[in-house]
């Protein structure tokens, strides 16, 4: 759920995190910032698909705590 929320906060039309970066780096155009987030966005998408297909990865740490 956290990965999906972060993807929403980084992608258009909302892109709250991108506008925060724009406020900090005032000289950088917004288009450049959006182009820079796509590799990270696709990496998060791959991680989300990986966890969706293999949920034991996400449950590894909690199951080791309760053994």
PDB file of N, CA and C in Angstrom:
ATOM      1  N   UNK A   1       0.820  -1.175   0.000  1.00  0.00           N
ATOM      2  CA  UNK A   1       0.000   0.000   0.000  1.00  0.00           C
ATOM      3  C   UNK A   1       0.880   1.260   0.000  1.00  0.00           C
ATOM      4  N   UNK A   2       1.965   1.223   0.736  1.00  0.00           N
ATOM      5  CA  UNK A   2       2.840   2.391   0.807  1.00  0.00           C
ATOM      6  C   UNK A   2       3.496   2.657  -0.544  1.00  0.00           C
ATOM      7  N   UNK A   3       3.882   1.601  -1.238  1.00  0.00           N
ATOM      8  CA  UNK A   3       4.498   1.771  -2.557  1.00  0.00           C
ATOM      9  C   UNK A   3       3.500   2.379  -3.530  1.00  0.00           C
ATOM     10  N   UNK A   4       2.257   1.912  -3.504  1.00  0.00           N
ATOM     11  CA  UNK A   4       1.232   2.452  -4.396  1.00  0.00           C
ATOM     12  C   UNK A   4       0.938   3.917  -4.080  1.00  0.00           C
ATOM     13  N   UNK A   5       0.909   4.274  -2.810  1.00  0.00           N
ATOM     14  CA  UNK A   5       0.689   5.671  -2.441  1.00  0.00           C
ATOM     15  C   UNK A   5       1.850   6.556  -2.896  1.00  0.00           C
ATOM     16  N   UNK A   6       3.057   6.060  -2.739  1.00  0.00           N
ATOM     17  CA  UNK A   6       4.220   6.835  -3.176  1.00  0.00           C
ATOM     18  C   UNK A   6       4.219   7.016  -4.693  1.00  0.00           C
ATOM     19  N   UNK A   7       3.777   6.017  -5.417  1.00  0.00           N
ATOM     20  CA  UNK A   7       3.678   6.154  -6.869  1.00  0.00           C
ATOM     21  C   UNK A   7       2.682   7.249  -7.231  1.00  0.00           C
ATOM     22  N   UNK A   8       1.581   7.320  -6.503  1.00  0.00           N
ATOM     23  CA  UNK A   8       0.592   8.360  -6.752  1.00  0.00           C
ATOM     24  C   UNK A   8       1.097   9.746  -6.389  1.00  0.00           C
ATOM     25  N   UNK A   9       1.920   9.829  -5.361  1.00  0.00           N
ATOM     26  CA  UNK A   9       2.446  11.126  -4.959  1.00  0.00           C
ATOM     27  C   UNK A   9       3.554  11.618  -5.882  1.00  0.00           C
ATOM     28  N   UNK A  10       4.105  10.740  -6.687  1.00  0.00           N
ATOM     29  CA  UNK A  10       5.178  11.126  -7.606  1.00  0.00           C
ATOM     30  C   UNK A  10       4.717  11.323  -9.035  1.00  0.00           C
ATOM     31  N   UNK A  11       3.542  10.857  -9.392  1.00  0.00           N
ATOM     32  CA  UNK A  11       3.139  10.891 -10.794  1.00  0.00           C
ATOM     33  C   UNK A  11       2.071  11.953 -11.041  1.00  0.00           C
ATOM     34  N   UNK A  12       1.983  12.424 -12.281  1.00  0.00           N
ATOM     35  CA  UNK A  12       0.959  13.412 -12.613  1.00  0.00           C
ATOM     36  C   UNK A  12      -0.424  12.767 -12.542  1.00  0.00           C
ATOM     37  N   UNK A  13      -1.485  13.455 -12.311  1.00  0.00           N
ATOM     38  CA  UNK A  13      -1.625  14.906 -12.181  1.00  0.00           C
ATOM     39  C   UNK A  13      -1.368  15.425 -10.770  1.00  0.00           C
ATOM     40  N   UNK A  14      -1.332  14.552  -9.773  1.00  0.00           N
ATOM     41  CA  UNK A  14      -1.150  15.039  -8.404  1.00  0.00           C
ATOM     42  C   UNK A  14       0.295  15.446  -8.197  1.00  0.00           C
ATOM     43  N   UNK A  15       1.204  14.511  -8.133  1.00  0.00           N
ATOM     44  CA  UNK A  15       2.630  14.782  -8.069  1.00  0.00           C
ATOM     45  C   UNK A  15       3.059  15.721  -6.961  1.00  0.00           C
ATOM     46  N   UNK A  16       2.506  15.548  -5.765  1.00  0.00           N
ATOM     47  CA  UNK A  16       2.817  16.446  -4.654  1.00  0.00           C
ATOM     48  C   UNK A  16       4.328  16.495  -4.398  1.00  0.00           C
ATOM     49  N   UNK A  17       4.980  15.338  -4.391  1.00  0.00           N
ATOM     50  CA  UNK A  17       6.425  15.311  -4.127  1.00  0.00           C
ATOM     51  C   UNK A  17       7.212  16.064  -5.192  1.00  0.00           C
ATOM     52  N   UNK A  18       6.726  16.024  -6.422  1.00  0.00           N
ATOM     53  CA  UNK A  18       7.413  16.727  -7.510  1.00  0.00           C
ATOM     54  C   UNK A  18       7.313  18.236  -7.304  1.00  0.00           C
ATOM     55  N   UNK A  19       6.171  18.705  -6.839  1.00  0.00           N
ATOM     56  CA  UNK A  19       6.018  20.136  -6.595  1.00  0.00           C
ATOM     57  C   UNK A  19       6.845  20.588  -5.391  1.00  0.00           C
ATOM     58  N   UNK A  20       7.058  19.705  -4.430  1.00  0.00           N
ATOM     59  CA  UNK A  20       7.947  20.027  -3.309  1.00  0.00           C
ATOM     60  C   UNK A  20       9.382  20.187  -3.818  1.00  0.00           C
ATOM     61  N   UNK A  21       9.804  19.262  -4.693  1.00  0.00           N
ATOM     62  CA  UNK A  21      11.149  19.378  -5.277  1.00  0.00           C
ATOM     63  C   UNK A  21      11.250  20.650  -6.102  1.00  0.00           C
ATOM     64  N   UNK A  22      10.195  21.004  -6.821  1.00  0.00           N
ATOM     65  CA  UNK A  22      10.189  22.237  -7.617  1.00  0.00           C
ATOM     66  C   UNK A  22      10.345  23.459  -6.719  1.00  0.00           C
ATOM     67  N   UNK A  23       9.747  23.434  -5.537  1.00  0.00           N
ATOM     68  CA  UNK A  23       9.885  24.547  -4.612  1.00  0.00           C
ATOM     69  C   UNK A  23      11.296  24.674  -4.072  1.00  0.00           C
ATOM     70  N   UNK A  24      11.983  23.545  -3.927  1.00  0.00           N
ATOM     71  CA  UNK A  24      13.353  23.581  -3.417  1.00  0.00           C
ATOM     72  C   UNK A  24      14.334  23.955  -4.528  1.00  0.00           C
ATOM     73  N   UNK A  25      14.187  23.325  -5.685  1.00  0.00           N
ATOM     74  CA  UNK A  25      15.073  23.591  -6.833  1.00  0.00           C
ATOM     75  C   UNK A  25      14.340  24.507  -7.801  1.00  0.00           C
ATOM     76  N   UNK A  26      14.351  25.777  -7.512  1.00  0.00           N
ATOM     77  CA  UNK A  26      13.540  26.729  -8.277  1.00  0.00           C
ATOM     78  C   UNK A  26      13.994  26.901  -9.725  1.00  0.00           C
ATOM     79  N   UNK A  27      15.264  26.691 -10.003  1.00  0.00           N
ATOM     80  CA  UNK A  27      15.770  26.905 -11.355  1.00  0.00           C
ATOM     81  C   UNK A  27      15.532  25.742 -12.303  1.00  0.00           C
ATOM     82  N   UNK A  28      15.061  24.610 -11.784  1.00  0.00           N
ATOM     83  CA  UNK A  28      14.865  23.424 -12.612  1.00  0.00           C
ATOM     84  C   UNK A  28      13.425  23.405 -13.123  1.00  0.00           C
ATOM     85  N   UNK A  29      13.230  23.255 -14.434  1.00  0.00           N
ATOM     86  CA  UNK A  29      11.860  23.213 -14.967  1.00  0.00           C
ATOM     87  C   UNK A  29      11.101  21.981 -14.473  1.00  0.00           C
ATOM     88  N   UNK A  30       9.790  22.129 -14.359  1.00  0.00           N
ATOM     89  CA  UNK A  30       8.939  21.053 -13.876  1.00  0.00           C
ATOM     90  C   UNK A  30       8.980  19.835 -14.798  1.00  0.00           C
ATOM     91  N   UNK A  31       9.096  20.072 -16.090  1.00  0.00           N
ATOM     92  CA  UNK A  31       9.183  18.980 -17.058  1.00  0.00           C
ATOM     93  C   UNK A  31      10.423  18.119 -16.814  1.00  0.00           C
ATOM     94  N   UNK A  32      11.524  18.751 -16.475  1.00  0.00           N
ATOM     95  CA  UNK A  32      12.760  18.021 -16.189  1.00  0.00           C
ATOM     96  C   UNK A  32      12.612  17.166 -14.943  1.00  0.00           C
ATOM     97  N   UNK A  33      11.938  17.683 -13.950  1.00  0.00           N
ATOM     98  CA  UNK A  33      11.731  16.915 -12.722  1.00  0.00           C
ATOM     99  C   UNK A  33      10.845  15.709 -12.998  1.00  0.00           C
ATOM    100  N   UNK A  34       9.768  15.901 -13.763  1.00  0.00           N
ATOM    101  CA  UNK A  34       8.893  14.776 -14.090  1.00  0.00           C
ATOM    102  C   UNK A  34       9.620  13.722 -14.922  1.00  0.00           C
ATOM    103  N   UNK A  35      10.490  14.146 -15.840  1.00  0.00           N
ATOM    104  CA  UNK A  35      11.266  13.172 -16.606  1.00  0.00           C
ATOM    105  C   UNK A  35      12.243  12.414 -15.717  1.00  0.00           C
ATOM    106  N   UNK A  36      12.725  13.053 -14.671  1.00  0.00           N
ATOM    107  CA  UNK A  36      13.669  12.414 -13.768  1.00  0.00           C
ATOM    108  C   UNK A  36      13.055  11.383 -12.835  1.00  0.00           C
ATOM    109  N   UNK A  37      11.743  11.476 -12.594  1.00  0.00           N
ATOM    110  CA  UNK A  37      11.124  10.520 -11.669  1.00  0.00           C
ATOM    111  C   UNK A  37      10.707   9.224 -12.339  1.00  0.00           C
ATOM    112  N   UNK A  38      10.620   9.188 -13.652  1.00  0.00           N
ATOM    113  CA  UNK A  38      10.097   7.987 -14.323  1.00  0.00           C
ATOM    114  C   UNK A  38      10.902   6.722 -14.065  1.00  0.00           C
ATOM    115  N   UNK A  39      12.236   6.744 -14.061  1.00  0.00           N
ATOM    116  CA  UNK A  39      12.951   5.500 -13.747  1.00  0.00           C
ATOM    117  C   UNK A  39      12.615   4.969 -12.351  1.00  0.00           C
ATOM    118  N   UNK A  40      12.468   5.877 -11.402  1.00  0.00           N
ATOM    119  CA  UNK A  40      12.122   5.467 -10.045  1.00  0.00           C
ATOM    120  C   UNK A  40      10.681   4.970  -9.973  1.00  0.00           C
ATOM    121  N   UNK A  41       9.795   5.604 -10.746  1.00  0.00           N
ATOM    122  CA  UNK A  41       8.399   5.194 -10.774  1.00  0.00           C
ATOM    123  C   UNK A  41       8.272   3.778 -11.349  1.00  0.00           C
ATOM    124  N   UNK A  42       9.006   3.496 -12.408  1.00  0.00           N
ATOM    125  CA  UNK A  42       8.951   2.155 -12.990  1.00  0.00           C
ATOM    126  C   UNK A  42       9.597   1.122 -12.067  1.00  0.00           C
ATOM    127  N   UNK A  43      10.615   1.515 -11.325  1.00  0.00           N
ATOM    128  CA  UNK A  43      11.205   0.608 -10.339  1.00  0.00           C
ATOM    129  C   UNK A  43      10.205   0.297  -9.230  1.00  0.00           C
ATOM    130  N   UNK A  44       9.449   1.300  -8.797  1.00  0.00           N
ATOM    131  CA  UNK A  44       8.406   1.051  -7.789  1.00  0.00           C
ATOM    132  C   UNK A  44       7.300   0.169  -8.350  1.00  0.00           C
ATOM    133  N   UNK A  45       6.965   0.356  -9.622  1.00  0.00           N
ATOM    134  CA  UNK A  45       5.950  -0.491 -10.253  1.00  0.00           C
ATOM    135  C   UNK A  45       6.423  -1.936 -10.321  1.00  0.00           C
ATOM    136  N   UNK A  46       7.679  -2.141 -10.664  1.00  0.00           N
ATOM    137  CA  UNK A  46       8.224  -3.501 -10.699  1.00  0.00           C
ATOM    138  C   UNK A  46       8.222  -4.121  -9.311  1.00  0.00           C
ATOM    139  N   UNK A  47       8.591  -3.341  -8.296  1.00  0.00           N
ATOM    140  CA  UNK A  47       8.574  -3.855  -6.923  1.00  0.00           C
ATOM    141  C   UNK A  47       7.163  -4.183  -6.483  1.00  0.00           C
ATOM    142  N   UNK A  48       6.206  -3.353  -6.851  1.00  0.00           N
ATOM    143  CA  UNK A  48       4.810  -3.602  -6.496  1.00  0.00           C
ATOM    144  C   UNK A  48       4.295  -4.872  -7.165  1.00  0.00           C
ATOM    145  N   UNK A  49       4.613  -5.069  -8.432  1.00  0.00           N
ATOM    146  CA  UNK A  49       4.204  -6.295  -9.127  1.00  0.00           C
ATOM    147  C   UNK A  49       4.880  -7.515  -8.518  1.00  0.00           C
ATOM    148  N   UNK A  50       6.145  -7.364  -8.163  1.00  0.00           N
ATOM    149  CA  UNK A  50       6.893  -8.468  -7.571  1.00  0.00           C
ATOM    150  C   UNK A  50       6.288  -8.882  -6.230  1.00  0.00           C
ATOM    151  N   UNK A  51       5.932  -7.916  -5.406  1.00  0.00           N
ATOM    152  CA  UNK A  51       5.321  -8.216  -4.109  1.00  0.00           C
ATOM    153  C   UNK A  51       3.908  -8.761  -4.293  1.00  0.00           C
ATOM    154  N   UNK A  52       3.204  -8.283  -5.308  1.00  0.00           N
ATOM    155  CA  UNK A  52       1.858  -8.784  -5.578  1.00  0.00           C
ATOM    156  C   UNK A  52       1.901 -10.245  -6.025  1.00  0.00           C
ATOM    157  N   UNK A  53       2.885 -10.588  -6.851  1.00  0.00           N
ATOM    158  CA  UNK A  53       2.987 -11.960  -7.340  1.00  0.00           C
ATOM    159  C   UNK A  53       3.568 -12.911  -6.299  1.00  0.00           C
ATOM    160  N   UNK A  54       4.458 -12.409  -5.454  1.00  0.00           N
ATOM    161  CA  UNK A  54       5.093 -13.223  -4.414  1.00  0.00           C
ATOM    162  C   UNK A  54       4.879 -12.559  -3.046  1.00  0.00           C
ATOM    163  N   UNK A  55       3.699 -12.695  -2.458  1.00  0.00           N
ATOM    164  CA  UNK A  55       3.426 -11.992  -1.198  1.00  0.00           C
ATOM    165  C   UNK A  55       4.271 -12.479  -0.025  1.00  0.00           C
ATOM    166  N   UNK A  56       4.880 -13.638  -0.138  1.00  0.00           N
ATOM    167  CA  UNK A  56       5.732 -14.126   0.945  1.00  0.00           C
ATOM    168  C   UNK A  56       6.940 -13.212   1.178  1.00  0.00           C
ATOM    169  N   UNK A  57       7.335 -12.459   0.158  1.00  0.00           N
ATOM    170  CA  UNK A  57       8.449 -11.529   0.314  1.00  0.00           C
ATOM    171  C   UNK A  57       8.087 -10.450   1.332  1.00  0.00           C
ATOM    172  N   UNK A  58       6.867  -9.923   1.218  1.00  0.00           N
ATOM    173  CA  UNK A  58       6.434  -8.876   2.137  1.00  0.00           C
ATOM    174  C   UNK A  58       6.171  -9.426   3.532  1.00  0.00           C
ATOM    175  N   UNK A  59       5.857 -10.691   3.621  1.00  0.00           N
ATOM    176  CA  UNK A  59       5.518 -11.294   4.908  1.00  0.00           C
ATOM    177  C   UNK A  59       6.698 -11.996   5.565  1.00  0.00           C
ATOM    178  N   UNK A  60       7.874 -11.943   4.968  1.00  0.00           N
ATOM    179  CA  UNK A  60       9.034 -12.638   5.497  1.00  0.00           C
ATOM    180  C   UNK A  60       9.425 -12.143   6.886  1.00  0.00           C
ATOM    181  N   UNK A  61       9.575 -10.849   7.053  1.00  0.00           N
ATOM    182  CA  UNK A  61       9.982 -10.307   8.338  1.00  0.00           C
ATOM    183  C   UNK A  61       8.924 -10.515   9.436  1.00  0.00           C
ATOM    184  N   UNK A  62       7.637 -10.231   9.176  1.00  0.00           N
ATOM    185  CA  UNK A  62       6.655 -10.487  10.242  1.00  0.00           C
ATOM    186  C   UNK A  62       6.560 -11.961  10.646  1.00  0.00           C
ATOM    187  N   UNK A  63       6.714 -12.877   9.705  1.00  0.00           N
ATOM    188  CA  UNK A  63       6.625 -14.288  10.077  1.00  0.00           C
ATOM    189  C   UNK A  63       7.835 -14.742  10.874  1.00  0.00           C
ATOM    190  N   UNK A  64       8.995 -14.154  10.623  1.00  0.00           N
ATOM    191  CA  UNK A  64      10.165 -14.531  11.419  1.00  0.00           C
ATOM    192  C   UNK A  64      10.082 -13.961  12.832  1.00  0.00           C
ATOM    193  N   UNK A  65       9.363 -12.894  13.021  1.00  0.00           N
ATOM    194  CA  UNK A  65       9.228 -12.305  14.362  1.00  0.00           C
ATOM    195  C   UNK A  65       8.332 -13.149  15.246  1.00  0.00           C
ATOM    196  N   UNK A  66       7.363 -13.841  14.675  1.00  0.00           N
ATOM    197  CA  UNK A  66       6.397 -14.584  15.473  1.00  0.00           C
ATOM    198  C   UNK A  66       6.715 -16.060  15.571  1.00  0.00           C
ATOM    199  N   UNK A  67       7.856 -16.485  15.131  1.00  0.00           N
ATOM    200  CA  UNK A  67       8.235 -17.905  15.259  1.00  0.00           C
ATOM    201  C   UNK A  67       8.918 -18.177  16.542  1.00  0.00           C
TER     202      UNK A  67
END
